[in-house]
Every structure is written in structure tokens, then in C-alpha cells.
Amino acid sequence: MQPFTLNVIKIIQSIPRGKVMTYGQIAKAAGSNRAARQVVRILHSMSEKYQLPWHRVVNASGKLTIPTEEGRLLQKHLLQKEGIVFEKDEQVLLKSYIYDPIEFWEE
């Protein structure tokens, strides 16, 4: 497994309940500022195998971007169960719920 992929998996696994990260934020923390699409690919292909909390990953503006309505509703439901409140219909207020993985890497 590539180091970037391993880093992405570890970072996503570290996102605590009630917090979110963006695709770009994960890519940057994993070592590649411009690899947000790779994060999407990793989430899509490895979430089940590594039991990743995929629902805690949102886009740069805090929106839920899963293509299907069913998927977005599931993601919203899972986040709401963790205490996340939506500012708009499917948008997380990032300044309240964003997770900073720097603390994770310093442990």
C-alpha cells in the first residue's frame, strides 16, 4: 500500500464522533495538497474493508456530496446521530465541527 493511501486511512479513522474533515484537508494532512480526488477514491474503495467513518468526510464548504439522495440522507442521519447540526439542508457548519488532525499526529 502506498504511504499516501495508508496516511489517508489513518487520518479518516482518527476523525472522532461529532467531527468532520474535508476531502482536501485529509489530502493535505496525508501529504498531498492536491489529491482530494484520491481521498474520494480511497473512501469509495476502502471504507468497508477498513471500517472507515466515511460519513465524517464532507466537501470544502461542508456540503454532503454523495451522488445519490439515499446516500446523502444516510450520511446526514449518521452525522445528526453524532450531534452535528446542519446550517442548511445538507451543509455542516465547518467552524463548529471541523477536526484538526495535527493533534492526532502529535500523539
N, C-alpha and C. Protein backbone atom coordinates (compact mmCIF):
# COMPACT_ATOMS: atom_id res chain seq x y z
N MET A 1 0.84 -1.18 0.00
CA MET A 1 0.00 0.00 0.00
C MET A 1 0.89 1.25 0.00
N GLN A 2 0.50 2.22 -0.80
CA GLN A 2 1.26 3.47 -0.90
C GLN A 2 1.19 4.25 0.42
N PRO A 3 2.26 4.98 0.77
CA PRO A 3 2.24 5.76 2.02
C PRO A 3 1.08 6.76 2.08
N PHE A 4 0.78 7.41 0.95
CA PHE A 4 -0.33 8.38 0.94
C PHE A 4 -1.64 7.68 1.29
N THR A 5 -1.89 6.53 0.69
CA THR A 5 -3.13 5.79 0.96
C THR A 5 -3.20 5.38 2.42
N LEU A 6 -2.12 4.89 2.96
CA LEU A 6 -2.08 4.50 4.37
C LEU A 6 -2.35 5.70 5.27
N ASN A 7 -1.75 6.84 4.95
CA ASN A 7 -1.97 8.06 5.73
C ASN A 7 -3.43 8.48 5.69
N VAL A 8 -4.04 8.42 4.50
CA VAL A 8 -5.45 8.80 4.37
C VAL A 8 -6.31 7.89 5.25
N ILE A 9 -6.06 6.61 5.20
CA ILE A 9 -6.84 5.67 6.01
C ILE A 9 -6.69 5.99 7.49
N LYS A 10 -5.48 6.22 7.95
CA LYS A 10 -5.24 6.53 9.37
C LYS A 10 -5.93 7.83 9.78
N ILE A 11 -5.85 8.82 8.92
CA ILE A 11 -6.48 10.12 9.23
C ILE A 11 -7.99 9.97 9.33
N ILE A 12 -8.60 9.29 8.36
CA ILE A 12 -10.05 9.12 8.39
C ILE A 12 -10.46 8.31 9.62
N GLN A 13 -9.70 7.30 9.96
CA GLN A 13 -10.00 6.51 11.15
C GLN A 13 -9.91 7.35 12.42
N SER A 14 -9.12 8.40 12.39
CA SER A 14 -8.91 9.23 13.58
C SER A 14 -9.99 10.29 13.79
N ILE A 15 -10.85 10.51 12.81
CA ILE A 15 -11.88 11.54 12.96
C ILE A 15 -12.85 11.12 14.06
N PRO A 16 -12.94 11.90 15.13
CA PRO A 16 -13.81 11.49 16.24
C PRO A 16 -15.29 11.72 15.94
N ARG A 17 -16.13 11.04 16.71
CA ARG A 17 -17.57 11.24 16.62
C ARG A 17 -17.88 12.72 16.81
N GLY A 18 -18.82 13.22 16.01
CA GLY A 18 -19.24 14.61 16.14
C GLY A 18 -18.32 15.61 15.47
N LYS A 19 -17.36 15.12 14.69
CA LYS A 19 -16.44 15.99 13.95
C LYS A 19 -16.42 15.56 12.50
N VAL A 20 -15.98 16.46 11.62
CA VAL A 20 -15.84 16.16 10.20
C VAL A 20 -14.51 16.69 9.69
N MET A 21 -14.11 16.18 8.54
CA MET A 21 -12.97 16.71 7.80
C MET A 21 -13.38 16.84 6.35
N THR A 22 -12.67 17.68 5.61
CA THR A 22 -12.94 17.82 4.18
C THR A 22 -11.98 16.92 3.41
N TYR A 23 -12.37 16.61 2.17
CA TYR A 23 -11.50 15.79 1.31
C TYR A 23 -10.13 16.45 1.15
N GLY A 24 -10.12 17.75 0.90
CA GLY A 24 -8.87 18.48 0.71
C GLY A 24 -8.03 18.53 1.97
N GLN A 25 -8.66 18.70 3.09
CA GLN A 25 -7.96 18.73 4.37
C GLN A 25 -7.28 17.39 4.64
N ILE A 26 -7.98 16.31 4.33
CA ILE A 26 -7.39 14.97 4.51
C ILE A 26 -6.21 14.79 3.56
N ALA A 27 -6.37 15.19 2.31
CA ALA A 27 -5.28 15.07 1.33
C ALA A 27 -4.05 15.83 1.79
N LYS A 28 -4.24 17.06 2.25
CA LYS A 28 -3.12 17.88 2.71
C LYS A 28 -2.44 17.24 3.92
N ALA A 29 -3.23 16.79 4.89
CA ALA A 29 -2.66 16.16 6.08
C ALA A 29 -1.93 14.86 5.74
N ALA A 30 -2.36 14.19 4.68
CA ALA A 30 -1.73 12.93 4.27
C ALA A 30 -0.49 13.15 3.40
N GLY A 31 -0.24 14.41 3.03
CA GLY A 31 1.00 14.71 2.31
C GLY A 31 0.86 15.15 0.87
N SER A 32 -0.35 15.40 0.40
CA SER A 32 -0.52 15.82 -0.98
C SER A 32 -1.66 16.84 -1.09
N ASN A 33 -1.30 18.10 -1.13
CA ASN A 33 -2.28 19.20 -1.14
C ASN A 33 -3.35 19.08 -2.22
N ARG A 34 -3.01 18.48 -3.34
CA ARG A 34 -3.92 18.49 -4.48
C ARG A 34 -4.54 17.12 -4.78
N ALA A 35 -4.69 16.31 -3.77
CA ALA A 35 -5.15 14.94 -4.01
C ALA A 35 -6.53 14.64 -3.40
N ALA A 36 -7.39 15.64 -3.36
CA ALA A 36 -8.73 15.43 -2.79
C ALA A 36 -9.48 14.33 -3.53
N ARG A 37 -9.32 14.26 -4.85
CA ARG A 37 -10.00 13.20 -5.61
C ARG A 37 -9.48 11.81 -5.25
N GLN A 38 -8.22 11.74 -4.89
CA GLN A 38 -7.67 10.45 -4.44
C GLN A 38 -8.32 10.04 -3.12
N VAL A 39 -8.59 11.01 -2.27
CA VAL A 39 -9.27 10.72 -1.00
C VAL A 39 -10.65 10.13 -1.29
N VAL A 40 -11.35 10.71 -2.26
CA VAL A 40 -12.66 10.18 -2.67
C VAL A 40 -12.51 8.73 -3.11
N ARG A 41 -11.53 8.46 -3.94
CA ARG A 41 -11.30 7.10 -4.45
C ARG A 41 -11.01 6.14 -3.31
N ILE A 42 -10.18 6.54 -2.38
CA ILE A 42 -9.83 5.68 -1.24
C ILE A 42 -11.07 5.41 -0.39
N LEU A 43 -11.85 6.45 -0.13
CA LEU A 43 -13.09 6.26 0.63
C LEU A 43 -14.01 5.27 -0.07
N HIS A 44 -14.17 5.46 -1.37
CA HIS A 44 -15.07 4.61 -2.13
C HIS A 44 -14.62 3.15 -2.13
N SER A 45 -13.33 2.93 -2.29
CA SER A 45 -12.84 1.57 -2.45
C SER A 45 -12.44 0.87 -1.16
N MET A 46 -12.21 1.63 -0.09
CA MET A 46 -11.66 1.00 1.11
C MET A 46 -12.48 1.21 2.39
N SER A 47 -13.59 1.94 2.32
CA SER A 47 -14.37 2.22 3.52
C SER A 47 -14.82 0.95 4.23
N GLU A 48 -15.34 0.01 3.48
CA GLU A 48 -15.84 -1.22 4.09
C GLU A 48 -14.70 -2.05 4.66
N LYS A 49 -13.66 -2.24 3.88
CA LYS A 49 -12.54 -3.09 4.31
C LYS A 49 -11.89 -2.58 5.60
N TYR A 50 -11.73 -1.25 5.71
CA TYR A 50 -11.06 -0.67 6.86
C TYR A 50 -12.03 -0.03 7.85
N GLN A 51 -13.32 -0.24 7.65
CA GLN A 51 -14.37 0.30 8.51
C GLN A 51 -14.17 1.79 8.76
N LEU A 52 -14.01 2.53 7.67
CA LEU A 52 -13.78 3.97 7.76
C LEU A 52 -15.08 4.70 8.05
N PRO A 53 -15.04 5.71 8.89
CA PRO A 53 -16.23 6.52 9.15
C PRO A 53 -16.44 7.51 7.99
N TRP A 54 -16.81 6.98 6.85
CA TRP A 54 -16.95 7.74 5.60
C TRP A 54 -17.89 8.92 5.75
N HIS A 55 -18.87 8.79 6.60
CA HIS A 55 -19.88 9.84 6.76
C HIS A 55 -19.31 11.11 7.37
N ARG A 56 -18.12 11.05 7.94
CA ARG A 56 -17.50 12.22 8.57
C ARG A 56 -16.65 13.03 7.60
N VAL A 57 -16.74 12.74 6.32
CA VAL A 57 -15.97 13.46 5.31
C VAL A 57 -16.94 14.23 4.42
N VAL A 58 -16.69 15.54 4.29
CA VAL A 58 -17.56 16.44 3.52
C VAL A 58 -16.71 17.26 2.56
N ASN A 59 -17.37 18.04 1.70
CA ASN A 59 -16.58 18.85 0.77
C ASN A 59 -16.10 20.13 1.45
N ALA A 60 -15.36 20.95 0.72
CA ALA A 60 -14.69 22.12 1.29
C ALA A 60 -15.64 23.16 1.89
N SER A 61 -16.89 23.15 1.46
CA SER A 61 -17.86 24.10 2.04
C SER A 61 -18.76 23.44 3.08
N GLY A 62 -18.48 22.19 3.39
CA GLY A 62 -19.25 21.48 4.40
C GLY A 62 -20.47 20.76 3.86
N LYS A 63 -20.60 20.71 2.53
CA LYS A 63 -21.77 20.07 1.93
C LYS A 63 -21.58 18.57 1.80
N LEU A 64 -22.69 17.88 1.82
CA LEU A 64 -22.70 16.44 1.58
C LEU A 64 -22.76 16.25 0.07
N THR A 65 -21.86 15.48 -0.48
CA THR A 65 -21.75 15.40 -1.94
C THR A 65 -21.92 13.99 -2.51
N ILE A 66 -22.44 13.09 -1.72
CA ILE A 66 -22.69 11.75 -2.25
C ILE A 66 -23.70 11.88 -3.37
N PRO A 67 -23.45 11.24 -4.51
CA PRO A 67 -24.31 11.43 -5.69
C PRO A 67 -25.78 11.04 -5.52
N THR A 68 -26.05 10.03 -4.72
CA THR A 68 -27.44 9.59 -4.60
C THR A 68 -28.12 10.26 -3.41
N GLU A 69 -29.40 10.51 -3.55
CA GLU A 69 -30.17 11.11 -2.46
C GLU A 69 -30.18 10.19 -1.24
N GLU A 70 -30.32 8.90 -1.49
CA GLU A 70 -30.32 7.92 -0.40
C GLU A 70 -29.00 7.99 0.39
N GLY A 71 -27.88 8.08 -0.32
CA GLY A 71 -26.58 8.16 0.33
C GLY A 71 -26.42 9.43 1.15
N ARG A 72 -26.85 10.55 0.59
CA ARG A 72 -26.78 11.83 1.31
C ARG A 72 -27.65 11.81 2.57
N LEU A 73 -28.84 11.25 2.45
CA LEU A 73 -29.73 11.17 3.61
C LEU A 73 -29.15 10.29 4.70
N LEU A 74 -28.52 9.18 4.31
CA LEU A 74 -27.87 8.31 5.28
C LEU A 74 -26.73 9.04 5.97
N GLN A 75 -25.90 9.74 5.18
CA GLN A 75 -24.79 10.48 5.75
C GLN A 75 -25.30 11.54 6.73
N LYS A 76 -26.32 12.27 6.32
CA LYS A 76 -26.89 13.32 7.18
C LYS A 76 -27.42 12.70 8.48
N HIS A 77 -28.12 11.60 8.37
CA HIS A 77 -28.67 10.91 9.54
C HIS A 77 -27.55 10.48 10.50
N LEU A 78 -26.50 9.87 9.96
CA LEU A 78 -25.39 9.41 10.79
C LEU A 78 -24.70 10.57 11.49
N LEU A 79 -24.52 11.69 10.78
CA LEU A 79 -23.90 12.86 11.39
C LEU A 79 -24.80 13.47 12.47
N GLN A 80 -26.09 13.54 12.20
CA GLN A 80 -27.02 14.08 13.19
C GLN A 80 -27.04 13.21 14.45
N LYS A 81 -26.93 11.89 14.29
CA LYS A 81 -26.86 10.99 15.45
C LYS A 81 -25.64 11.29 16.32
N GLU A 82 -24.60 11.86 15.71
CA GLU A 82 -23.38 12.21 16.44
C GLU A 82 -23.43 13.63 16.99
N GLY A 83 -24.56 14.30 16.80
CA GLY A 83 -24.73 15.63 17.36
C GLY A 83 -24.42 16.78 16.42
N ILE A 84 -24.14 16.49 15.17
CA ILE A 84 -23.84 17.55 14.22
C ILE A 84 -25.14 18.18 13.74
N VAL A 85 -25.16 19.50 13.80
CA VAL A 85 -26.32 20.28 13.36
C VAL A 85 -25.99 20.87 11.99
N PHE A 86 -26.96 20.84 11.10
CA PHE A 86 -26.76 21.36 9.76
C PHE A 86 -27.21 22.81 9.67
N GLU A 87 -26.36 23.63 9.07
CA GLU A 87 -26.64 25.05 8.91
C GLU A 87 -27.67 25.26 7.80
N LYS A 88 -27.55 24.51 6.75
CA LYS A 88 -28.52 24.50 5.67
C LYS A 88 -28.96 23.06 5.51
N ASP A 89 -29.76 22.76 4.54
CA ASP A 89 -30.31 21.42 4.41
C ASP A 89 -29.25 20.33 4.46
N GLU A 90 -28.19 20.46 3.71
CA GLU A 90 -27.15 19.42 3.70
C GLU A 90 -25.76 20.04 3.81
N GLN A 91 -25.61 21.02 4.72
CA GLN A 91 -24.33 21.69 4.89
C GLN A 91 -23.98 21.79 6.37
N VAL A 92 -22.80 21.28 6.71
CA VAL A 92 -22.28 21.31 8.07
C VAL A 92 -21.59 22.66 8.29
N LEU A 93 -21.79 23.25 9.44
CA LEU A 93 -21.09 24.48 9.80
C LEU A 93 -19.66 24.09 10.20
N LEU A 94 -18.75 24.22 9.25
CA LEU A 94 -17.39 23.70 9.46
C LEU A 94 -16.69 24.30 10.67
N LYS A 95 -16.87 25.58 10.92
CA LYS A 95 -16.13 26.19 12.03
C LYS A 95 -16.51 25.57 13.37
N SER A 96 -17.67 24.93 13.45
CA SER A 96 -18.09 24.29 14.69
C SER A 96 -17.68 22.82 14.79
N TYR A 97 -17.53 22.16 13.65
CA TYR A 97 -17.36 20.70 13.68
C TYR A 97 -16.10 20.18 13.00
N ILE A 98 -15.25 21.05 12.50
CA ILE A 98 -14.06 20.59 11.78
C ILE A 98 -13.07 19.95 12.76
N TYR A 99 -12.44 18.89 12.32
CA TYR A 99 -11.43 18.19 13.13
C TYR A 99 -10.05 18.54 12.59
N ASP A 100 -9.14 18.86 13.48
CA ASP A 100 -7.76 19.16 13.10
C ASP A 100 -6.89 17.95 13.42
N PRO A 101 -6.41 17.25 12.39
CA PRO A 101 -5.65 16.02 12.66
C PRO A 101 -4.25 16.26 13.19
N ILE A 102 -3.81 17.52 13.28
CA ILE A 102 -2.47 17.80 13.81
C ILE A 102 -2.33 17.17 15.20
N GLU A 103 -3.39 17.27 16.00
CA GLU A 103 -3.36 16.68 17.33
C GLU A 103 -3.15 15.17 17.24
N PHE A 104 -3.76 14.53 16.23
CA PHE A 104 -3.62 13.09 16.05
C PHE A 104 -2.16 12.73 15.78
N TRP A 105 -1.51 13.49 14.89
CA TRP A 105 -0.14 13.16 14.51
C TRP A 105 0.85 13.43 15.63
N GLU A 106 0.49 14.27 16.59
CA GLU A 106 1.40 14.59 17.69
C GLU A 106 1.33 13.56 18.81
N GLU A 107 0.32 12.69 18.80
CA GLU A 107 0.18 11.69 19.87
C GLU A 107 1.27 10.66 19.82
